[in-house]
């Protein structure tokens, strides 16, 4: 499975560990907004691809990769960002 996790805070940490436990061989991508957290996440989750994007670049990433993503999990510190990313337009619906 190919899973995208957006955010690098506490809830994202627990989500990342749960996903890895459920799907240990899956492709795992994490998007974070700050370089500092990207460095920390790279050490904590060496099995994941960690990408630093600006807040406004995330929706474009989802649109461009929606056809190859099986799941998108939003776990930022902001409820409004989580809702924005969940409702954002995609090329194809997720399975």
PDB file of N, CA and C in Angstrom:
ATOM      1  N   UNK A   1       0.839  -1.164   0.000  1.00  0.00           N
ATOM      2  CA  UNK A   1       0.000   0.000   0.000  1.00  0.00           C
ATOM      3  C   UNK A   1       0.895   1.242   0.000  1.00  0.00           C
ATOM      4  N   UNK A   2       0.438   2.310  -0.621  1.00  0.00           N
ATOM      5  CA  UNK A   2       1.179   3.576  -0.677  1.00  0.00           C
ATOM      6  C   UNK A   2       0.383   4.605   0.128  1.00  0.00           C
ATOM      7  N   UNK A   3       0.965   5.046   1.249  1.00  0.00           N
ATOM      8  CA  UNK A   3       0.281   5.928   2.186  1.00  0.00           C
ATOM      9  C   UNK A   3       1.016   7.249   2.304  1.00  0.00           C
ATOM     10  N   UNK A   4       0.251   8.336   2.273  1.00  0.00           N
ATOM     11  CA  UNK A   4       0.789   9.678   2.482  1.00  0.00           C
ATOM     12  C   UNK A   4       0.289  10.180   3.831  1.00  0.00           C
ATOM     13  N   UNK A   5       1.215  10.612   4.666  1.00  0.00           N
ATOM     14  CA  UNK A   5       0.897  11.204   5.960  1.00  0.00           C
ATOM     15  C   UNK A   5       1.350  12.653   5.929  1.00  0.00           C
ATOM     16  N   UNK A   6       0.447  13.567   6.248  1.00  0.00           N
ATOM     17  CA  UNK A   6       0.767  14.989   6.241  1.00  0.00           C
ATOM     18  C   UNK A   6       0.847  15.464   7.688  1.00  0.00           C
ATOM     19  N   UNK A   7       2.006  15.959   8.080  1.00  0.00           N
ATOM     20  CA  UNK A   7       2.221  16.464   9.434  1.00  0.00           C
ATOM     21  C   UNK A   7       3.305  15.672  10.138  1.00  0.00           C
ATOM     22  N   UNK A   8       3.913  16.311  11.124  1.00  0.00           N
ATOM     23  CA  UNK A   8       5.017  15.671  11.833  1.00  0.00           C
ATOM     24  C   UNK A   8       4.952  15.844  13.332  1.00  0.00           C
ATOM     25  N   UNK A   9       3.778  16.136  13.853  1.00  0.00           N
ATOM     26  CA  UNK A   9       3.618  16.323  15.293  1.00  0.00           C
ATOM     27  C   UNK A   9       3.325  15.020  16.012  1.00  0.00           C
ATOM     28  N   UNK A  10       2.790  15.140  17.230  1.00  0.00           N
ATOM     29  CA  UNK A  10       2.527  13.967  18.066  1.00  0.00           C
ATOM     30  C   UNK A  10       1.540  12.998  17.437  1.00  0.00           C
ATOM     31  N   UNK A  11       0.428  13.501  16.919  1.00  0.00           N
ATOM     32  CA  UNK A  11      -0.560  12.591  16.333  1.00  0.00           C
ATOM     33  C   UNK A  11       0.002  11.908  15.087  1.00  0.00           C
ATOM     34  N   UNK A  12       0.819  12.611  14.329  1.00  0.00           N
ATOM     35  CA  UNK A  12       1.453  12.005  13.150  1.00  0.00           C
ATOM     36  C   UNK A  12       2.404  10.888  13.567  1.00  0.00           C
ATOM     37  N   UNK A  13       3.109  11.073  14.660  1.00  0.00           N
ATOM     38  CA  UNK A  13       4.022  10.049  15.170  1.00  0.00           C
ATOM     39  C   UNK A  13       3.263   8.749  15.445  1.00  0.00           C
ATOM     40  N   UNK A  14       2.143   8.847  16.141  1.00  0.00           N
ATOM     41  CA  UNK A  14       1.355   7.657  16.461  1.00  0.00           C
ATOM     42  C   UNK A  14       0.747   7.048  15.198  1.00  0.00           C
ATOM     43  N   UNK A  15       0.298   7.881  14.283  1.00  0.00           N
ATOM     44  CA  UNK A  15      -0.255   7.373  13.025  1.00  0.00           C
ATOM     45  C   UNK A  15       0.814   6.644  12.220  1.00  0.00           C
ATOM     46  N   UNK A  16       2.010   7.201  12.151  1.00  0.00           N
ATOM     47  CA  UNK A  16       3.097   6.579  11.394  1.00  0.00           C
ATOM     48  C   UNK A  16       3.457   5.206  11.972  1.00  0.00           C
ATOM     49  N   UNK A  17       3.531   5.116  13.278  1.00  0.00           N
ATOM     50  CA  UNK A  17       3.849   3.827  13.905  1.00  0.00           C
ATOM     51  C   UNK A  17       2.741   2.802  13.670  1.00  0.00           C
ATOM     52  N   UNK A  18       1.492   3.232  13.734  1.00  0.00           N
ATOM     53  CA  UNK A  18       0.372   2.311  13.503  1.00  0.00           C
ATOM     54  C   UNK A  18       0.358   1.820  12.060  1.00  0.00           C
ATOM     55  N   UNK A  19       0.607   2.718  11.119  1.00  0.00           N
ATOM     56  CA  UNK A  19       0.628   2.334   9.707  1.00  0.00           C
ATOM     57  C   UNK A  19       1.744   1.338   9.444  1.00  0.00           C
ATOM     58  N   UNK A  20       2.904   1.612   9.991  1.00  0.00           N
ATOM     59  CA  UNK A  20       4.053   0.725   9.780  1.00  0.00           C
ATOM     60  C   UNK A  20       3.773  -0.667  10.355  1.00  0.00           C
ATOM     61  N   UNK A  21       3.093  -0.715  11.496  1.00  0.00           N
ATOM     62  CA  UNK A  21       2.756  -1.998  12.112  1.00  0.00           C
ATOM     63  C   UNK A  21       1.752  -2.769  11.251  1.00  0.00           C
ATOM     64  N   UNK A  22       0.781  -2.064  10.680  1.00  0.00           N
ATOM     65  CA  UNK A  22      -0.246  -2.688   9.858  1.00  0.00           C
ATOM     66  C   UNK A  22       0.304  -3.122   8.500  1.00  0.00           C
ATOM     67  N   UNK A  23       1.165  -2.299   7.921  1.00  0.00           N
ATOM     68  CA  UNK A  23       1.674  -2.538   6.570  1.00  0.00           C
ATOM     69  C   UNK A  23       3.199  -2.336   6.542  1.00  0.00           C
ATOM     70  N   UNK A  24       3.951  -3.298   7.086  1.00  0.00           N
ATOM     71  CA  UNK A  24       5.397  -3.115   7.220  1.00  0.00           C
ATOM     72  C   UNK A  24       6.152  -2.994   5.896  1.00  0.00           C
ATOM     73  N   UNK A  25       5.596  -3.476   4.823  1.00  0.00           N
ATOM     74  CA  UNK A  25       6.291  -3.420   3.529  1.00  0.00           C
ATOM     75  C   UNK A  25       5.749  -2.349   2.588  1.00  0.00           C
ATOM     76  N   UNK A  26       4.799  -1.561   3.065  1.00  0.00           N
ATOM     77  CA  UNK A  26       4.183  -0.542   2.230  1.00  0.00           C
ATOM     78  C   UNK A  26       5.091   0.656   1.998  1.00  0.00           C
ATOM     79  N   UNK A  27       4.776   1.413   0.963  1.00  0.00           N
ATOM     80  CA  UNK A  27       5.474   2.664   0.657  1.00  0.00           C
ATOM     81  C   UNK A  27       4.865   3.744   1.537  1.00  0.00           C
ATOM     82  N   UNK A  28       5.709   4.461   2.252  1.00  0.00           N
ATOM     83  CA  UNK A  28       5.242   5.431   3.227  1.00  0.00           C
ATOM     84  C   UNK A  28       5.895   6.782   2.974  1.00  0.00           C
ATOM     85  N   UNK A  29       5.077   7.810   2.803  1.00  0.00           N
ATOM     86  CA  UNK A  29       5.559   9.153   2.501  1.00  0.00           C
ATOM     87  C   UNK A  29       5.015  10.096   3.574  1.00  0.00           C
ATOM     88  N   UNK A  30       5.893  10.944   4.118  1.00  0.00           N
ATOM     89  CA  UNK A  30       5.476  11.939   5.103  1.00  0.00           C
ATOM     90  C   UNK A  30       5.809  13.320   4.559  1.00  0.00           C
ATOM     91  N   UNK A  31       4.832  14.217   4.620  1.00  0.00           N
ATOM     92  CA  UNK A  31       5.054  15.614   4.254  1.00  0.00           C
ATOM     93  C   UNK A  31       5.081  16.432   5.530  1.00  0.00           C
ATOM     94  N   UNK A  32       6.114  17.253   5.668  1.00  0.00           N
ATOM     95  CA  UNK A  32       6.251  18.153   6.813  1.00  0.00           C
ATOM     96  C   UNK A  32       6.598  19.535   6.290  1.00  0.00           C
ATOM     97  N   UNK A  33       6.312  20.559   7.082  1.00  0.00           N
ATOM     98  CA  UNK A  33       6.473  21.944   6.644  1.00  0.00           C
ATOM     99  C   UNK A  33       7.789  22.586   7.064  1.00  0.00           C
ATOM    100  N   UNK A  34       8.476  22.043   8.051  1.00  0.00           N
ATOM    101  CA  UNK A  34       9.708  22.655   8.544  1.00  0.00           C
ATOM    102  C   UNK A  34      10.903  21.734   8.347  1.00  0.00           C
ATOM    103  N   UNK A  35      12.035  22.333   8.033  1.00  0.00           N
ATOM    104  CA  UNK A  35      13.264  21.555   7.822  1.00  0.00           C
ATOM    105  C   UNK A  35      13.689  20.825   9.092  1.00  0.00           C
ATOM    106  N   UNK A  36      13.491  21.459  10.243  1.00  0.00           N
ATOM    107  CA  UNK A  36      13.878  20.837  11.511  1.00  0.00           C
ATOM    108  C   UNK A  36      13.116  19.541  11.749  1.00  0.00           C
ATOM    109  N   UNK A  37      11.810  19.579  11.526  1.00  0.00           N
ATOM    110  CA  UNK A  37      11.011  18.365  11.731  1.00  0.00           C
ATOM    111  C   UNK A  37      11.321  17.316  10.669  1.00  0.00           C
ATOM    112  N   UNK A  38      11.654  17.743   9.461  1.00  0.00           N
ATOM    113  CA  UNK A  38      12.037  16.792   8.416  1.00  0.00           C
ATOM    114  C   UNK A  38      13.271  16.016   8.868  1.00  0.00           C
ATOM    115  N   UNK A  39      14.247  16.703   9.446  1.00  0.00           N
ATOM    116  CA  UNK A  39      15.452  16.042   9.941  1.00  0.00           C
ATOM    117  C   UNK A  39      15.130  15.037  11.039  1.00  0.00           C
ATOM    118  N   UNK A  40      14.281  15.429  11.971  1.00  0.00           N
ATOM    119  CA  UNK A  40      13.892  14.541  13.074  1.00  0.00           C
ATOM    120  C   UNK A  40      13.129  13.332  12.541  1.00  0.00           C
ATOM    121  N   UNK A  41      12.154  13.575  11.651  1.00  0.00           N
ATOM    122  CA  UNK A  41      11.355  12.474  11.099  1.00  0.00           C
ATOM    123  C   UNK A  41      12.210  11.505  10.293  1.00  0.00           C
ATOM    124  N   UNK A  42      13.212  12.010   9.596  1.00  0.00           N
ATOM    125  CA  UNK A  42      14.101  11.141   8.820  1.00  0.00           C
ATOM    126  C   UNK A  42      14.843  10.158   9.723  1.00  0.00           C
ATOM    127  N   UNK A  43      15.186  10.603  10.908  1.00  0.00           N
ATOM    128  CA  UNK A  43      15.870   9.725  11.866  1.00  0.00           C
ATOM    129  C   UNK A  43      14.901   8.766  12.547  1.00  0.00           C
ATOM    130  N   UNK A  44      13.692   9.252  12.839  1.00  0.00           N
ATOM    131  CA  UNK A  44      12.699   8.427  13.523  1.00  0.00           C
ATOM    132  C   UNK A  44      12.091   7.365  12.614  1.00  0.00           C
ATOM    133  N   UNK A  45      11.925   7.709  11.336  1.00  0.00           N
ATOM    134  CA  UNK A  45      11.267   6.815  10.388  1.00  0.00           C
ATOM    135  C   UNK A  45      12.141   6.620   9.149  1.00  0.00           C
ATOM    136  N   UNK A  46      13.236   5.884   9.280  1.00  0.00           N
ATOM    137  CA  UNK A  46      14.150   5.703   8.141  1.00  0.00           C
ATOM    138  C   UNK A  46      13.513   4.945   6.976  1.00  0.00           C
ATOM    139  N   UNK A  47      12.423   4.273   7.212  1.00  0.00           N
ATOM    140  CA  UNK A  47      11.721   3.515   6.175  1.00  0.00           C
ATOM    141  C   UNK A  47      10.833   4.405   5.307  1.00  0.00           C
ATOM    142  N   UNK A  48      10.644   5.661   5.719  1.00  0.00           N
ATOM    143  CA  UNK A  48       9.719   6.556   5.016  1.00  0.00           C
ATOM    144  C   UNK A  48      10.470   7.555   4.149  1.00  0.00           C
ATOM    145  N   UNK A  49       9.783   8.008   3.112  1.00  0.00           N
ATOM    146  CA  UNK A  49      10.266   9.127   2.310  1.00  0.00           C
ATOM    147  C   UNK A  49       9.708  10.392   2.959  1.00  0.00           C
ATOM    148  N   UNK A  50      10.588  11.284   3.385  1.00  0.00           N
ATOM    149  CA  UNK A  50      10.166  12.511   4.050  1.00  0.00           C
ATOM    150  C   UNK A  50      10.345  13.676   3.072  1.00  0.00           C
ATOM    151  N   UNK A  51       9.286  14.452   2.886  1.00  0.00           N
ATOM    152  CA  UNK A  51       9.300  15.562   1.942  1.00  0.00           C
ATOM    153  C   UNK A  51       8.949  16.847   2.683  1.00  0.00           C
ATOM    154  N   UNK A  52       9.728  17.903   2.452  1.00  0.00           N
ATOM    155  CA  UNK A  52       9.392  19.213   3.007  1.00  0.00           C
ATOM    156  C   UNK A  52       8.700  20.033   1.930  1.00  0.00           C
ATOM    157  N   UNK A  53       7.481  20.441   2.241  1.00  0.00           N
ATOM    158  CA  UNK A  53       6.716  21.298   1.338  1.00  0.00           C
ATOM    159  C   UNK A  53       6.139  22.466   2.120  1.00  0.00           C
ATOM    160  N   UNK A  54       5.856  23.548   1.417  1.00  0.00           N
ATOM    161  CA  UNK A  54       5.129  24.648   2.026  1.00  0.00           C
ATOM    162  C   UNK A  54       3.664  24.251   2.146  1.00  0.00           C
ATOM    163  N   UNK A  55       2.966  24.889   3.055  1.00  0.00           N
ATOM    164  CA  UNK A  55       1.560  24.568   3.305  1.00  0.00           C
ATOM    165  C   UNK A  55       0.733  24.587   2.026  1.00  0.00           C
ATOM    166  N   UNK A  56       0.973  25.561   1.168  1.00  0.00           N
ATOM    167  CA  UNK A  56       0.179  25.693  -0.052  1.00  0.00           C
ATOM    168  C   UNK A  56       0.609  24.749  -1.169  1.00  0.00           C
ATOM    169  N   UNK A  57       1.682  24.015  -1.011  1.00  0.00           N
ATOM    170  CA  UNK A  57       2.145  23.073  -2.032  1.00  0.00           C
ATOM    171  C   UNK A  57       1.575  21.670  -1.847  1.00  0.00           C
ATOM    172  N   UNK A  58       0.992  21.404  -0.703  1.00  0.00           N
ATOM    173  CA  UNK A  58       0.515  20.055  -0.387  1.00  0.00           C
ATOM    174  C   UNK A  58      -0.609  19.613  -1.313  1.00  0.00           C
ATOM    175  N   UNK A  59      -1.569  20.481  -1.560  1.00  0.00           N
ATOM    176  CA  UNK A  59      -2.694  20.106  -2.414  1.00  0.00           C
ATOM    177  C   UNK A  59      -2.225  19.781  -3.826  1.00  0.00           C
ATOM    178  N   UNK A  60      -1.256  20.520  -4.319  1.00  0.00           N
ATOM    179  CA  UNK A  60      -0.697  20.233  -5.640  1.00  0.00           C
ATOM    180  C   UNK A  60      -0.019  18.860  -5.646  1.00  0.00           C
ATOM    181  N   UNK A  61       0.685  18.542  -4.567  1.00  0.00           N
ATOM    182  CA  UNK A  61       1.324  17.224  -4.452  1.00  0.00           C
ATOM    183  C   UNK A  61       0.266  16.113  -4.468  1.00  0.00           C
ATOM    184  N   UNK A  62      -0.808  16.316  -3.724  1.00  0.00           N
ATOM    185  CA  UNK A  62      -1.879  15.308  -3.680  1.00  0.00           C
ATOM    186  C   UNK A  62      -2.514  15.148  -5.060  1.00  0.00           C
ATOM    187  N   UNK A  63      -2.807  16.257  -5.730  1.00  0.00           N
ATOM    188  CA  UNK A  63      -3.394  16.184  -7.077  1.00  0.00           C
ATOM    189  C   UNK A  63      -2.465  15.444  -8.035  1.00  0.00           C
ATOM    190  N   UNK A  64      -1.196  15.753  -7.971  1.00  0.00           N
ATOM    191  CA  UNK A  64      -0.236  15.153  -8.889  1.00  0.00           C
ATOM    192  C   UNK A  64       0.049  13.693  -8.628  1.00  0.00           C
ATOM    193  N   UNK A  65      -0.180  13.244  -7.390  1.00  0.00           N
ATOM    194  CA  UNK A  65       0.138  11.862  -7.027  1.00  0.00           C
ATOM    195  C   UNK A  65      -1.077  11.055  -6.589  1.00  0.00           C
ATOM    196  N   UNK A  66      -2.254  11.648  -6.657  1.00  0.00           N
ATOM    197  CA  UNK A  66      -3.471  10.995  -6.181  1.00  0.00           C
ATOM    198  C   UNK A  66      -3.744   9.638  -6.804  1.00  0.00           C
ATOM    199  N   UNK A  67      -3.366   9.469  -8.058  1.00  0.00           N
ATOM    200  CA  UNK A  67      -3.657   8.199  -8.734  1.00  0.00           C
ATOM    201  C   UNK A  67      -2.786   7.049  -8.230  1.00  0.00           C
ATOM    202  N   UNK A  68      -1.680   7.356  -7.543  1.00  0.00           N
ATOM    203  CA  UNK A  68      -0.811   6.285  -7.041  1.00  0.00           C
ATOM    204  C   UNK A  68      -0.859   6.152  -5.520  1.00  0.00           C
ATOM    205  N   UNK A  69      -1.661   6.983  -4.856  1.00  0.00           N
ATOM    206  CA  UNK A  69      -1.786   6.911  -3.407  1.00  0.00           C
ATOM    207  C   UNK A  69      -2.999   6.068  -3.026  1.00  0.00           C
ATOM    208  N   UNK A  70      -2.808   5.182  -2.073  1.00  0.00           N
ATOM    209  CA  UNK A  70      -3.916   4.375  -1.577  1.00  0.00           C
ATOM    210  C   UNK A  70      -4.626   5.046  -0.407  1.00  0.00           C
ATOM    211  N   UNK A  71      -3.882   5.847   0.360  1.00  0.00           N
ATOM    212  CA  UNK A  71      -4.467   6.527   1.522  1.00  0.00           C
ATOM    213  C   UNK A  71      -3.740   7.834   1.780  1.00  0.00           C
ATOM    214  N   UNK A  72      -4.503   8.823   2.234  1.00  0.00           N
ATOM    215  CA  UNK A  72      -3.940  10.097   2.674  1.00  0.00           C
ATOM    216  C   UNK A  72      -4.436  10.329   4.090  1.00  0.00           C
ATOM    217  N   UNK A  73      -3.497  10.550   4.991  1.00  0.00           N
ATOM    218  CA  UNK A  73      -3.828  10.812   6.389  1.00  0.00           C
ATOM    219  C   UNK A  73      -3.329  12.206   6.722  1.00  0.00           C
ATOM    220  N   UNK A  74      -4.213  13.044   7.226  1.00  0.00           N
ATOM    221  CA  UNK A  74      -3.808  14.382   7.614  1.00  0.00           C
ATOM    222  C   UNK A  74      -3.714  14.426   9.127  1.00  0.00           C
ATOM    223  N   UNK A  75      -2.546  14.758   9.621  1.00  0.00           N
ATOM    224  CA  UNK A  75      -2.303  14.782  11.067  1.00  0.00           C
ATOM    225  C   UNK A  75      -1.461  15.997  11.425  1.00  0.00           C
ATOM    226  N   UNK A  76      -1.841  17.138  10.885  1.00  0.00           N
ATOM    227  CA  UNK A  76      -1.132  18.364  11.235  1.00  0.00           C
ATOM    228  C   UNK A  76      -1.652  18.845  12.586  1.00  0.00           C
ATOM    229  N   UNK A  77      -1.039  19.881  13.114  1.00  0.00           N
ATOM    230  CA  UNK A  77      -1.476  20.461  14.382  1.00  0.00           C
ATOM    231  C   UNK A  77      -2.710  21.353  14.197  1.00  0.00           C
ATOM    232  N   UNK A  78      -3.147  21.538  12.942  1.00  0.00           N
ATOM    233  CA  UNK A  78      -4.242  22.458  12.641  1.00  0.00           C
ATOM    234  C   UNK A  78      -5.453  21.709  12.085  1.00  0.00           C
ATOM    235  N   UNK A  79      -6.586  21.814  12.773  1.00  0.00           N
ATOM    236  CA  UNK A  79      -7.817  21.186  12.285  1.00  0.00           C
ATOM    237  C   UNK A  79      -8.228  21.751  10.927  1.00  0.00           C
ATOM    238  N   UNK A  80      -8.032  23.055  10.737  1.00  0.00           N
ATOM    239  CA  UNK A  80      -8.439  23.661   9.467  1.00  0.00           C
ATOM    240  C   UNK A  80      -7.571  23.151   8.311  1.00  0.00           C
ATOM    241  N   UNK A  81      -6.274  22.956   8.538  1.00  0.00           N
ATOM    242  CA  UNK A  81      -5.423  22.379   7.486  1.00  0.00           C
ATOM    243  C   UNK A  81      -5.802  20.937   7.206  1.00  0.00           C
ATOM    244  N   UNK A  82      -6.078  20.174   8.250  1.00  0.00           N
ATOM    245  CA  UNK A  82      -6.477  18.778   8.056  1.00  0.00           C
ATOM    246  C   UNK A  82      -7.729  18.694   7.196  1.00  0.00           C
ATOM    247  N   UNK A  83      -8.706  19.531   7.492  1.00  0.00           N
ATOM    248  CA  UNK A  83      -9.940  19.551   6.712  1.00  0.00           C
ATOM    249  C   UNK A  83      -9.673  20.001   5.286  1.00  0.00           C
ATOM    250  N   UNK A  84      -8.850  21.014   5.120  1.00  0.00           N
ATOM    251  CA  UNK A  84      -8.504  21.524   3.789  1.00  0.00           C
ATOM    252  C   UNK A  84      -7.882  20.433   2.929  1.00  0.00           C
ATOM    253  N   UNK A  85      -6.939  19.692   3.491  1.00  0.00           N
ATOM    254  CA  UNK A  85      -6.262  18.652   2.710  1.00  0.00           C
ATOM    255  C   UNK A  85      -7.171  17.459   2.425  1.00  0.00           C
ATOM    256  N   UNK A  86      -8.058  17.137   3.352  1.00  0.00           N
ATOM    257  CA  UNK A  86      -8.992  16.026   3.124  1.00  0.00           C
ATOM    258  C   UNK A  86     -10.018  16.354   2.052  1.00  0.00           C
ATOM    259  N   UNK A  87     -10.412  17.612   1.974  1.00  0.00           N
ATOM    260  CA  UNK A  87     -11.443  18.014   1.013  1.00  0.00           C
ATOM    261  C   UNK A  87     -10.878  18.491  -0.308  1.00  0.00           C
ATOM    262  N   UNK A  88      -9.568  18.586  -0.405  1.00  0.00           N
ATOM    263  CA  UNK A  88      -8.941  19.107  -1.607  1.00  0.00           C
ATOM    264  C   UNK A  88      -9.231  18.247  -2.829  1.00  0.00           C
ATOM    265  N   UNK A  89      -9.152  18.852  -3.997  1.00  0.00           N
ATOM    266  CA  UNK A  89      -9.445  18.119  -5.241  1.00  0.00           C
ATOM    267  C   UNK A  89      -8.361  17.084  -5.552  1.00  0.00           C
ATOM    268  N   UNK A  90      -8.781  15.973  -6.132  1.00  0.00           N
ATOM    269  CA  UNK A  90      -7.861  14.913  -6.538  1.00  0.00           C
ATOM    270  C   UNK A  90      -8.206  14.501  -7.956  1.00  0.00           C
ATOM    271  N   UNK A  91      -7.224  13.951  -8.649  1.00  0.00           N
ATOM    272  CA  UNK A  91      -7.484  13.443  -9.993  1.00  0.00           C
ATOM    273  C   UNK A  91      -8.407  12.242  -9.943  1.00  0.00           C
ATOM    274  N   UNK A  92      -8.142  11.346  -9.007  1.00  0.00           N
ATOM    275  CA  UNK A  92      -8.955  10.147  -8.868  1.00  0.00           C
ATOM    276  C   UNK A  92      -9.277   9.934  -7.411  1.00  0.00           C
ATOM    277  N   UNK A  93     -10.411   9.300  -7.088  1.00  0.00           N
ATOM    278  CA  UNK A  93     -10.728   9.035  -5.688  1.00  0.00           C
ATOM    279  C   UNK A  93      -9.815   7.962  -5.119  1.00  0.00           C
ATOM    280  N   UNK A  94      -9.623   8.003  -3.823  1.00  0.00           N
ATOM    281  CA  UNK A  94      -8.815   6.965  -3.162  1.00  0.00           C
ATOM    282  C   UNK A  94      -9.659   5.724  -2.979  1.00  0.00           C
ATOM    283  N   UNK A  95      -8.993   4.602  -2.932  1.00  0.00           N
ATOM    284  CA  UNK A  95      -9.693   3.310  -2.746  1.00  0.00           C
ATOM    285  C   UNK A  95      -9.925   3.064  -1.283  1.00  0.00           C
TER     286      UNK A  95
END
